[in-house]
Amino acid sequence: MSHAVKGVTPISTNREVNWITVIFLAFFHTGALAAPFYFEWKSVAVMALLYWITIGWGIGMGYHRLHTHRSYIVPKWIEYLFAICGTMTLEGGPIFWVATHRIHHQNSDQEGDPHTPRDGKWWSHIGWIIFGEAKHNKTELLAKFTPDLAKDPFYRWLNTWHFVPVTISSILIWYFGGFSMFLWAVCFRITLGLHSTWLVNSATHLWGGRRFDIRDDSRNSWWVALLTFGEGWHNNHHAHPNSARHGLAWYELDMTWLQIRALELIGLAKKVKVATVDMESSLARKVA
């Protein structure tokens, strides 16, 4: 099947191996595999904390529910903080990430979806990353999908220099924490975070339950939700993409939503959009 996307896309479709990406992925995966041989509880604890900050704050609260879908509003300094946390996942800058995800929703599991499993399970998980030239720094090309971010000089700068926060933090972690902490808090954390995020692209379009009968193949996966602080309730999300809450039932744990709700309670998050499910009548929509 063709991976072509109409117009400008965040990933080229020439199917040539991006060796720079492969080399970096190989480096971090090697470090992750070595981490258990340098086990220290302190290193694991720092890894867990940074995983929560980078995936929970950076991707879930930031890149996804705030920057992409604008499901709530926070002060600019919090918005920028979440974006910086997002860059530390090694998933690219905010303009690149948001453009990719908006295209995914626009063409979900149809021609033009950058990472649909209909083009192959391997492709949807990692193949789309390692093949072709990722247009991480092509801000002008991607601005059509992210006009809200592209007009902000901070986001334009961060999209170009997205590797700076993770590079500086990695050096500091090795300098102050040692080799073990570098392996755990950098290599293991980044590798786990990458695969957890990629599972939302692959696993949650392949396996799991479907509450909503919508046009794409999105599904709800409890185990992906655990790995990603709530992003695994993907069928719920595709049915209500602008909702800040993905785990709609009481038993669908959504840590990202709980954090957004906490910000709302203390007055830092406003105009929070929420979809809820009436378990008896199947669906009740509520947008606050």
C-alpha atoms as a PDB file:
ATOM      1  CA  MET A   1       0.000   0.000   0.000  1.00  0.00           C
ATOM      2  CA  SER A   2       1.083   3.559  -0.577  1.00  0.00           C
ATOM      3  CA  HIS A   3       2.084   5.735   2.335  1.00  0.00           C
ATOM      4  CA  ALA A   4       1.590   8.915   0.348  1.00  0.00           C
ATOM      5  CA  VAL A   5      -0.060  11.844   2.062  1.00  0.00           C
ATOM      6  CA  LYS A   6      -1.576  14.603  -0.007  1.00  0.00           C
ATOM      7  CA  GLY A   7       0.351  17.836   0.258  1.00  0.00           C
ATOM      8  CA  VAL A   8       3.101  18.525   2.766  1.00  0.00           C
ATOM      9  CA  THR A   9       3.704  15.821   5.343  1.00  0.00           C
ATOM     10  CA  PRO A  10       5.912  15.549   8.440  1.00  0.00           C
ATOM     11  CA  ILE A  11       7.467  12.321   7.103  1.00  0.00           C
ATOM     12  CA  SER A  12       8.638  11.842   3.537  1.00  0.00           C
ATOM     13  CA  THR A  13       7.419   8.767   1.677  1.00  0.00           C
ATOM     14  CA  ASN A  14      10.494   7.676  -0.273  1.00  0.00           C
ATOM     15  CA  ARG A  15      10.929   4.596   1.963  1.00  0.00           C
ATOM     16  CA  GLU A  16      14.681   5.192   2.283  1.00  0.00           C
ATOM     17  CA  VAL A  17      16.249   4.478   5.658  1.00  0.00           C
ATOM     18  CA  ASN A  18      16.942   7.593   7.694  1.00  0.00           C
ATOM     19  CA  TRP A  19      20.295   6.521   9.062  1.00  0.00           C
ATOM     20  CA  ILE A  20      20.637   9.426  11.476  1.00  0.00           C
ATOM     21  CA  THR A  21      17.385   8.365  13.147  1.00  0.00           C
ATOM     22  CA  VAL A  22      18.468   4.702  13.133  1.00  0.00           C
ATOM     23  CA  ILE A  23      21.821   5.523  14.748  1.00  0.00           C
ATOM     24  CA  PHE A  24      20.221   7.527  17.551  1.00  0.00           C
ATOM     25  CA  LEU A  25      17.566   4.865  18.141  1.00  0.00           C
ATOM     26  CA  ALA A  26      20.243   2.163  18.232  1.00  0.00           C
ATOM     27  CA  PHE A  27      22.258   4.170  20.753  1.00  0.00           C
ATOM     28  CA  PHE A  28      19.365   4.683  23.169  1.00  0.00           C
ATOM     29  CA  HIS A  29      18.093   1.114  22.766  1.00  0.00           C
ATOM     30  CA  THR A  30      21.571  -0.219  23.515  1.00  0.00           C
ATOM     31  CA  GLY A  31      21.756   1.936  26.628  1.00  0.00           C
ATOM     32  CA  ALA A  32      18.314   0.723  27.707  1.00  0.00           C
ATOM     33  CA  LEU A  33      19.377  -2.918  27.348  1.00  0.00           C
ATOM     34  CA  ALA A  34      22.518  -2.205  29.383  1.00  0.00           C
ATOM     35  CA  ALA A  35      20.641  -0.406  32.181  1.00  0.00           C
ATOM     36  CA  PRO A  36      19.651  -3.546  34.186  1.00  0.00           C
ATOM     37  CA  PHE A  37      23.344  -4.428  34.519  1.00  0.00           C
ATOM     38  CA  TYR A  38      23.907  -1.080  36.277  1.00  0.00           C
ATOM     39  CA  PHE A  39      20.894  -1.197  38.555  1.00  0.00           C
ATOM     40  CA  GLU A  40      20.593   1.401  41.318  1.00  0.00           C
ATOM     41  CA  TRP A  41      17.339   2.292  43.053  1.00  0.00           C
ATOM     42  CA  LYS A  42      18.230   5.976  42.922  1.00  0.00           C
ATOM     43  CA  SER A  43      18.661   5.796  39.158  1.00  0.00           C
ATOM     44  CA  VAL A  44      15.349   3.969  38.713  1.00  0.00           C
ATOM     45  CA  ALA A  45      13.570   6.544  40.889  1.00  0.00           C
ATOM     46  CA  VAL A  46      14.925   9.457  38.825  1.00  0.00           C
ATOM     47  CA  MET A  47      13.956   7.579  35.659  1.00  0.00           C
ATOM     48  CA  ALA A  48      10.375   7.132  36.918  1.00  0.00           C
ATOM     49  CA  LEU A  49      10.104  10.808  37.877  1.00  0.00           C
ATOM     50  CA  LEU A  50      11.399  12.000  34.504  1.00  0.00           C
ATOM     51  CA  TYR A  51       9.185   9.511  32.673  1.00  0.00           C
ATOM     52  CA  TRP A  52       6.157  11.019  34.389  1.00  0.00           C
ATOM     53  CA  ILE A  53       7.308  14.571  33.618  1.00  0.00           C
ATOM     54  CA  THR A  54       8.194  13.924  29.971  1.00  0.00           C
ATOM     55  CA  ILE A  55       5.419  11.507  28.956  1.00  0.00           C
ATOM     56  CA  GLY A  56       2.712  12.552  31.428  1.00  0.00           C
ATOM     57  CA  TRP A  57       3.317  16.294  31.234  1.00  0.00           C
ATOM     58  CA  GLY A  58       5.186  16.671  27.945  1.00  0.00           C
ATOM     59  CA  ILE A  59       3.212  14.342  25.693  1.00  0.00           C
ATOM     60  CA  GLY A  60      -0.141  13.733  27.416  1.00  0.00           C
ATOM     61  CA  MET A  61      -0.888  17.110  28.982  1.00  0.00           C
ATOM     62  CA  GLY A  62       1.241  19.086  26.536  1.00  0.00           C
ATOM     63  CA  TYR A  63       1.811  17.994  22.958  1.00  0.00           C
ATOM     64  CA  HIS A  64      -1.396  15.964  22.754  1.00  0.00           C
ATOM     65  CA  ARG A  65      -4.280  17.375  24.762  1.00  0.00           C
ATOM     66  CA  LEU A  66      -3.083  20.997  24.938  1.00  0.00           C
ATOM     67  CA  HIS A  67      -0.997  21.836  21.879  1.00  0.00           C
ATOM     68  CA  THR A  68      -2.731  19.566  19.356  1.00  0.00           C
ATOM     69  CA  HIS A  69      -6.373  19.547  20.455  1.00  0.00           C
ATOM     70  CA  ARG A  70      -6.576  22.672  22.622  1.00  0.00           C
ATOM     71  CA  SER A  71      -8.848  20.826  25.042  1.00  0.00           C
ATOM     72  CA  TYR A  72      -8.014  23.301  27.805  1.00  0.00           C
ATOM     73  CA  ILE A  73      -6.192  26.591  28.377  1.00  0.00           C
ATOM     74  CA  VAL A  74      -3.354  27.322  30.791  1.00  0.00           C
ATOM     75  CA  PRO A  75      -1.064  30.314  31.325  1.00  0.00           C
ATOM     76  CA  LYS A  76       1.583  30.653  28.638  1.00  0.00           C
ATOM     77  CA  TRP A  77       4.435  29.724  30.968  1.00  0.00           C
ATOM     78  CA  ILE A  78       2.816  26.354  31.724  1.00  0.00           C
ATOM     79  CA  GLU A  79       2.155  25.787  28.028  1.00  0.00           C
ATOM     80  CA  TYR A  80       5.823  26.466  27.265  1.00  0.00           C
ATOM     81  CA  LEU A  81       6.951  24.256  30.160  1.00  0.00           C
ATOM     82  CA  PHE A  82       4.909  21.324  28.844  1.00  0.00           C
ATOM     83  CA  ALA A  83       6.391  21.847  25.370  1.00  0.00           C
ATOM     84  CA  ILE A  84       9.944  21.740  26.733  1.00  0.00           C
ATOM     85  CA  CYS A  85       9.076  18.542  28.612  1.00  0.00           C
ATOM     86  CA  GLY A  86       7.738  17.131  25.344  1.00  0.00           C
ATOM     87  CA  THR A  87      11.034  17.696  23.530  1.00  0.00           C
ATOM     88  CA  MET A  88      12.799  15.586  26.167  1.00  0.00           C
ATOM     89  CA  THR A  89      11.037  12.468  24.861  1.00  0.00           C
ATOM     90  CA  LEU A  90      13.083  12.591  21.635  1.00  0.00           C
ATOM     91  CA  GLU A  91       9.823  12.745  19.649  1.00  0.00           C
ATOM     92  CA  GLY A  92      10.630  16.010  17.915  1.00  0.00           C
ATOM     93  CA  GLY A  93       9.602  19.609  18.386  1.00  0.00           C
ATOM     94  CA  PRO A  94       6.062  20.821  19.063  1.00  0.00           C
ATOM     95  CA  ILE A  95       5.264  21.936  15.514  1.00  0.00           C
ATOM     96  CA  PHE A  96       6.427  18.619  14.052  1.00  0.00           C
ATOM     97  CA  TRP A  97       4.589  16.515  16.663  1.00  0.00           C
ATOM     98  CA  VAL A  98       1.348  18.481  16.471  1.00  0.00           C
ATOM     99  CA  ALA A  99       1.345  18.526  12.658  1.00  0.00           C
ATOM    100  CA  THR A 100       1.820  14.765  12.541  1.00  0.00           C
ATOM    101  CA  HIS A 101      -0.999  14.136  15.001  1.00  0.00           C
ATOM    102  CA  ARG A 102      -3.438  16.521  13.346  1.00  0.00           C
ATOM    103  CA  ILE A 103      -2.818  14.792  10.009  1.00  0.00           C
ATOM    104  CA  HIS A 104      -3.425  11.459  11.748  1.00  0.00           C
ATOM    105  CA  HIS A 105      -6.841  12.617  12.938  1.00  0.00           C
ATOM    106  CA  GLN A 106      -7.696  14.142   9.593  1.00  0.00           C
ATOM    107  CA  ASN A 107      -6.952  10.886   7.752  1.00  0.00           C
ATOM    108  CA  SER A 108      -7.225   8.304  10.517  1.00  0.00           C
ATOM    109  CA  ASP A 109      -6.708   4.813   9.063  1.00  0.00           C
ATOM    110  CA  GLN A 110      -7.285   6.198   5.576  1.00  0.00           C
ATOM    111  CA  GLU A 111      -4.916   7.201   2.814  1.00  0.00           C
ATOM    112  CA  GLY A 112      -2.754   9.978   4.213  1.00  0.00           C
ATOM    113  CA  ASP A 113      -2.507   8.670   7.781  1.00  0.00           C
ATOM    114  CA  PRO A 114       1.233   8.762   8.583  1.00  0.00           C
ATOM    115  CA  HIS A 115       1.109   5.655  10.785  1.00  0.00           C
ATOM    116  CA  THR A 116      -1.940   3.478  10.224  1.00  0.00           C
ATOM    117  CA  PRO A 117      -1.617  -0.275  10.912  1.00  0.00           C
ATOM    118  CA  ARG A 118      -3.500  -0.807   7.654  1.00  0.00           C
ATOM    119  CA  ASP A 119      -0.105  -0.180   6.073  1.00  0.00           C
ATOM    120  CA  GLY A 120       1.433  -2.772   8.384  1.00  0.00           C
ATOM    121  CA  LYS A 121       1.846  -3.270  12.133  1.00  0.00           C
ATOM    122  CA  TRP A 122       5.595  -2.674  11.886  1.00  0.00           C
ATOM    123  CA  TRP A 123       5.042   0.472   9.841  1.00  0.00           C
ATOM    124  CA  SER A 124       2.585   1.954  12.344  1.00  0.00           C
ATOM    125  CA  HIS A 125       4.844   1.301  15.312  1.00  0.00           C
ATOM    126  CA  ILE A 126       8.325   2.293  14.153  1.00  0.00           C
ATOM    127  CA  GLY A 127       8.670   1.908  10.400  1.00  0.00           C
ATOM    128  CA  TRP A 128       7.213   5.327   9.664  1.00  0.00           C
ATOM    129  CA  ILE A 129       9.922   6.824  11.888  1.00  0.00           C
ATOM    130  CA  ILE A 130      12.976   5.090  10.462  1.00  0.00           C
ATOM    131  CA  PHE A 131      12.040   5.325   6.779  1.00  0.00           C
ATOM    132  CA  GLY A 132      12.212   8.613   4.972  1.00  0.00           C
ATOM    133  CA  GLU A 133      13.353  12.054   5.990  1.00  0.00           C
ATOM    134  CA  ALA A 134      11.537  13.358   9.052  1.00  0.00           C
ATOM    135  CA  LYS A 135      10.852  17.049   8.515  1.00  0.00           C
ATOM    136  CA  HIS A 136      11.477  17.924  12.165  1.00  0.00           C
ATOM    137  CA  ASN A 137      12.877  21.363  11.432  1.00  0.00           C
ATOM    138  CA  LYS A 138      10.790  22.275   8.386  1.00  0.00           C
ATOM    139  CA  THR A 139       8.707  24.777  10.309  1.00  0.00           C
ATOM    140  CA  GLU A 140       7.542  26.676   7.241  1.00  0.00           C
ATOM    141  CA  LEU A 141       6.366  23.493   5.512  1.00  0.00           C
ATOM    142  CA  LEU A 142       4.407  22.339   8.561  1.00  0.00           C
ATOM    143  CA  ALA A 143       2.941  25.719   9.497  1.00  0.00           C
ATOM    144  CA  LYS A 144      -0.211  25.040   7.450  1.00  0.00           C
ATOM    145  CA  PHE A 145      -1.137  22.338   9.974  1.00  0.00           C
ATOM    146  CA  THR A 146      -0.088  24.324  13.045  1.00  0.00           C
ATOM    147  CA  PRO A 147      -0.846  28.010  12.413  1.00  0.00           C
ATOM    148  CA  ASP A 148      -1.516  28.541  16.124  1.00  0.00           C
ATOM    149  CA  LEU A 149       1.983  27.348  17.054  1.00  0.00           C
ATOM    150  CA  ALA A 150       3.845  28.623  14.006  1.00  0.00           C
ATOM    151  CA  LYS A 151       2.957  32.234  14.768  1.00  0.00           C
ATOM    152  CA  ASP A 152       4.661  31.999  18.180  1.00  0.00           C
ATOM    153  CA  PRO A 153       8.439  32.703  18.043  1.00  0.00           C
ATOM    154  CA  PHE A 154       9.066  30.426  21.034  1.00  0.00           C
ATOM    155  CA  TYR A 155       7.518  27.401  19.334  1.00  0.00           C
ATOM    156  CA  ARG A 156       9.336  28.145  16.109  1.00  0.00           C
ATOM    157  CA  TRP A 157      12.635  28.263  18.001  1.00  0.00           C
ATOM    158  CA  LEU A 158      11.871  25.143  20.019  1.00  0.00           C
ATOM    159  CA  ASN A 159      10.866  23.203  16.921  1.00  0.00           C
ATOM    160  CA  THR A 160      14.241  23.959  15.323  1.00  0.00           C
ATOM    161  CA  TRP A 161      16.284  23.351  18.472  1.00  0.00           C
ATOM    162  CA  HIS A 162      14.154  20.593  19.998  1.00  0.00           C
ATOM    163  CA  PHE A 163      17.243  18.495  20.780  1.00  0.00           C
ATOM    164  CA  VAL A 164      18.738  21.133  23.096  1.00  0.00           C
ATOM    165  CA  PRO A 165      16.732  20.374  26.298  1.00  0.00           C
ATOM    166  CA  VAL A 166      17.322  16.610  26.118  1.00  0.00           C
ATOM    167  CA  THR A 167      21.017  17.107  25.305  1.00  0.00           C
ATOM    168  CA  ILE A 168      21.643  19.498  28.188  1.00  0.00           C
ATOM    169  CA  SER A 169      19.641  17.393  30.660  1.00  0.00           C
ATOM    170  CA  SER A 170      21.458  14.221  29.561  1.00  0.00           C
ATOM    171  CA  ILE A 171      24.864  15.811  30.154  1.00  0.00           C
ATOM    172  CA  LEU A 172      23.789  17.061  33.588  1.00  0.00           C
ATOM    173  CA  ILE A 173      22.361  13.666  34.543  1.00  0.00           C
ATOM    174  CA  TRP A 174      25.616  11.899  33.649  1.00  0.00           C
ATOM    175  CA  TYR A 175      27.747  14.561  35.364  1.00  0.00           C
ATOM    176  CA  PHE A 176      25.818  14.638  38.640  1.00  0.00           C
ATOM    177  CA  GLY A 177      24.285  11.153  38.684  1.00  0.00           C
ATOM    178  CA  GLY A 178      26.882   8.961  37.034  1.00  0.00           C
ATOM    179  CA  PHE A 179      26.779   6.316  34.331  1.00  0.00           C
ATOM    180  CA  SER A 180      24.017   4.226  35.936  1.00  0.00           C
ATOM    181  CA  MET A 181      21.676   7.188  36.142  1.00  0.00           C
ATOM    182  CA  PHE A 182      22.452   8.130  32.545  1.00  0.00           C
ATOM    183  CA  LEU A 183      21.500   4.641  31.374  1.00  0.00           C
ATOM    184  CA  TRP A 184      18.252   4.615  33.354  1.00  0.00           C
ATOM    185  CA  ALA A 185      17.085   8.245  33.377  1.00  0.00           C
ATOM    186  CA  VAL A 186      18.097   8.946  29.777  1.00  0.00           C
ATOM    187  CA  CYS A 187      18.456   5.779  27.659  1.00  0.00           C
ATOM    188  CA  PHE A 188      15.897   3.538  29.362  1.00  0.00           C
ATOM    189  CA  ARG A 189      13.410   6.378  29.918  1.00  0.00           C
ATOM    190  CA  ILE A 190      13.578   7.616  26.331  1.00  0.00           C
ATOM    191  CA  THR A 191      13.334   4.111  24.869  1.00  0.00           C
ATOM    192  CA  LEU A 192      10.365   3.185  27.066  1.00  0.00           C
ATOM    193  CA  GLY A 193       8.685   6.502  26.296  1.00  0.00           C
ATOM    194  CA  LEU A 194       9.145   6.120  22.549  1.00  0.00           C
ATOM    195  CA  HIS A 195       7.668   2.632  22.444  1.00  0.00           C
ATOM    196  CA  SER A 196       4.822   3.588  24.782  1.00  0.00           C
ATOM    197  CA  THR A 197       3.879   6.497  22.512  1.00  0.00           C
ATOM    198  CA  TRP A 198       4.276   4.382  19.387  1.00  0.00           C
ATOM    199  CA  LEU A 199       1.936   1.775  20.912  1.00  0.00           C
ATOM    200  CA  VAL A 200      -0.806   4.393  20.751  1.00  0.00           C
ATOM    201  CA  ASN A 201      -0.205   4.509  16.988  1.00  0.00           C
ATOM    202  CA  SER A 202      -0.040   0.744  16.540  1.00  0.00           C
ATOM    203  CA  ALA A 203      -1.617  -1.309  19.362  1.00  0.00           C
ATOM    204  CA  THR A 204      -4.605   0.951  19.977  1.00  0.00           C
ATOM    205  CA  HIS A 205      -5.560   0.688  16.318  1.00  0.00           C
ATOM    206  CA  LEU A 206      -5.282  -3.119  16.424  1.00  0.00           C
ATOM    207  CA  TRP A 207      -6.428  -4.580  19.748  1.00  0.00           C
ATOM    208  CA  GLY A 208      -8.927  -3.628  22.423  1.00  0.00           C
ATOM    209  CA  GLY A 209     -12.559  -2.677  22.874  1.00  0.00           C
ATOM    210  CA  ARG A 210     -14.574  -0.145  20.912  1.00  0.00           C
ATOM    211  CA  ARG A 211     -17.162   1.916  22.767  1.00  0.00           C
ATOM    212  CA  PHE A 212     -17.875   4.146  19.773  1.00  0.00           C
ATOM    213  CA  ASP A 213     -18.553   2.906  16.244  1.00  0.00           C
ATOM    214  CA  ILE A 214     -16.563   5.463  14.282  1.00  0.00           C
ATOM    215  CA  ARG A 215     -14.916   5.330  10.861  1.00  0.00           C
ATOM    216  CA  ASP A 216     -11.382   4.461  11.993  1.00  0.00           C
ATOM    217  CA  ASP A 217      -9.960   1.401  13.772  1.00  0.00           C
ATOM    218  CA  SER A 218      -9.200   3.099  17.104  1.00  0.00           C
ATOM    219  CA  ARG A 219      -9.603   0.956  20.231  1.00  0.00           C
ATOM    220  CA  ASN A 220      -9.389   1.278  23.992  1.00  0.00           C
ATOM    221  CA  SER A 221      -6.413  -0.461  25.603  1.00  0.00           C
ATOM    222  CA  TRP A 222      -6.023  -0.498  29.386  1.00  0.00           C
ATOM    223  CA  TRP A 223      -2.379  -1.571  29.300  1.00  0.00           C
ATOM    224  CA  VAL A 224      -1.365   1.153  26.845  1.00  0.00           C
ATOM    225  CA  ALA A 225      -3.284   3.595  29.060  1.00  0.00           C
ATOM    226  CA  LEU A 226      -1.164   2.502  32.040  1.00  0.00           C
ATOM    227  CA  LEU A 227       2.061   3.045  30.083  1.00  0.00           C
ATOM    228  CA  THR A 228       0.994   6.472  28.827  1.00  0.00           C
ATOM    229  CA  PHE A 229      -0.973   7.945  31.752  1.00  0.00           C
ATOM    230  CA  GLY A 230      -4.307   7.570  29.952  1.00  0.00           C
ATOM    231  CA  GLU A 231      -3.529   7.865  26.240  1.00  0.00           C
ATOM    232  CA  GLY A 232      -4.588   4.261  25.651  1.00  0.00           C
ATOM    233  CA  TRP A 233      -8.311   5.080  25.771  1.00  0.00           C
ATOM    234  CA  HIS A 234      -7.919   5.791  22.098  1.00  0.00           C
ATOM    235  CA  ASN A 235     -11.381   4.951  20.787  1.00  0.00           C
ATOM    236  CA  ASN A 236     -12.842   7.363  23.342  1.00  0.00           C
ATOM    237  CA  HIS A 237     -10.355   9.967  22.166  1.00  0.00           C
ATOM    238  CA  HIS A 238     -11.094   9.573  18.465  1.00  0.00           C
ATOM    239  CA  ALA A 239     -14.812   9.839  19.184  1.00  0.00           C
ATOM    240  CA  HIS A 240     -14.213  13.058  21.169  1.00  0.00           C
ATOM    241  CA  PRO A 241     -10.825  14.406  20.013  1.00  0.00           C
ATOM    242  CA  ASN A 242     -11.212  17.773  21.749  1.00  0.00           C
ATOM    243  CA  SER A 243     -12.023  16.283  25.140  1.00  0.00           C
ATOM    244  CA  ALA A 244      -9.419  16.706  27.871  1.00  0.00           C
ATOM    245  CA  ARG A 245     -10.731  13.491  29.404  1.00  0.00           C
ATOM    246  CA  HIS A 246     -10.005  10.200  27.609  1.00  0.00           C
ATOM    247  CA  GLY A 247     -10.924   7.667  30.296  1.00  0.00           C
ATOM    248  CA  LEU A 248     -14.656   8.246  30.248  1.00  0.00           C
ATOM    249  CA  ALA A 249     -15.842   5.439  32.543  1.00  0.00           C
ATOM    250  CA  TRP A 250     -15.022   5.256  36.254  1.00  0.00           C
ATOM    251  CA  TYR A 251     -12.815   2.193  35.692  1.00  0.00           C
ATOM    252  CA  GLU A 252     -10.799   3.806  32.875  1.00  0.00           C
ATOM    253  CA  LEU A 253      -7.848   5.287  34.747  1.00  0.00           C
ATOM    254  CA  ASP A 254      -6.694   8.485  33.080  1.00  0.00           C
ATOM    255  CA  MET A 255      -3.916  10.089  35.096  1.00  0.00           C
ATOM    256  CA  THR A 256      -3.475  12.887  32.569  1.00  0.00           C
ATOM    257  CA  TRP A 257      -7.098  13.904  32.982  1.00  0.00           C
ATOM    258  CA  LEU A 258      -6.759  13.858  36.775  1.00  0.00           C
ATOM    259  CA  GLN A 259      -3.783  16.212  36.500  1.00  0.00           C
ATOM    260  CA  ILE A 260      -5.666  18.556  34.171  1.00  0.00           C
ATOM    261  CA  ARG A 261      -8.608  18.467  36.569  1.00  0.00           C
ATOM    262  CA  ALA A 262      -6.260  19.350  39.443  1.00  0.00           C
ATOM    263  CA  LEU A 263      -5.000  22.362  37.482  1.00  0.00           C
ATOM    264  CA  GLU A 264      -8.612  23.371  36.898  1.00  0.00           C
ATOM    265  CA  LEU A 265      -9.455  23.119  40.588  1.00  0.00           C
ATOM    266  CA  ILE A 266      -6.619  25.477  41.544  1.00  0.00           C
ATOM    267  CA  GLY A 267      -7.524  27.909  38.768  1.00  0.00           C
ATOM    268  CA  LEU A 268      -4.621  27.256  36.385  1.00  0.00           C
ATOM    269  CA  ALA A 269      -6.612  25.397  33.721  1.00  0.00           C
ATOM    270  CA  LYS A 270      -9.653  27.013  32.148  1.00  0.00           C
ATOM    271  CA  LYS A 271     -12.182  26.269  29.406  1.00  0.00           C
ATOM    272  CA  VAL A 272     -11.669  22.542  29.948  1.00  0.00           C
ATOM    273  CA  LYS A 273     -13.603  20.521  27.373  1.00  0.00           C
ATOM    274  CA  VAL A 274     -14.959  17.210  28.665  1.00  0.00           C
ATOM    275  CA  ALA A 275     -16.848  14.316  27.105  1.00  0.00           C
ATOM    276  CA  THR A 276     -18.626  11.891  29.452  1.00  0.00           C
ATOM    277  CA  VAL A 277     -20.313   8.528  28.987  1.00  0.00           C
ATOM    278  CA  ASP A 278     -23.716   7.576  30.390  1.00  0.00           C
ATOM    279  CA  MET A 279     -23.160   3.878  31.082  1.00  0.00           C
ATOM    280  CA  GLU A 280     -26.864   3.058  30.721  1.00  0.00           C
ATOM    281  CA  SER A 281     -27.761   4.947  27.586  1.00  0.00           C
ATOM    282  CA  SER A 282     -24.343   4.340  25.934  1.00  0.00           C
ATOM    283  CA  LEU A 283     -23.363   7.935  25.245  1.00  0.00           C
ATOM    284  CA  ALA A 284     -24.028  11.327  26.681  1.00  0.00           C
ATOM    285  CA  ARG A 285     -22.022  14.252  25.392  1.00  0.00           C
ATOM    286  CA  LYS A 286     -21.121  17.107  27.623  1.00  0.00           C
ATOM    287  CA  VAL A 287     -18.759  19.904  26.679  1.00  0.00           C
ATOM    288  CA  ALA A 288     -17.847  22.312  29.435  1.00  0.00           C
END
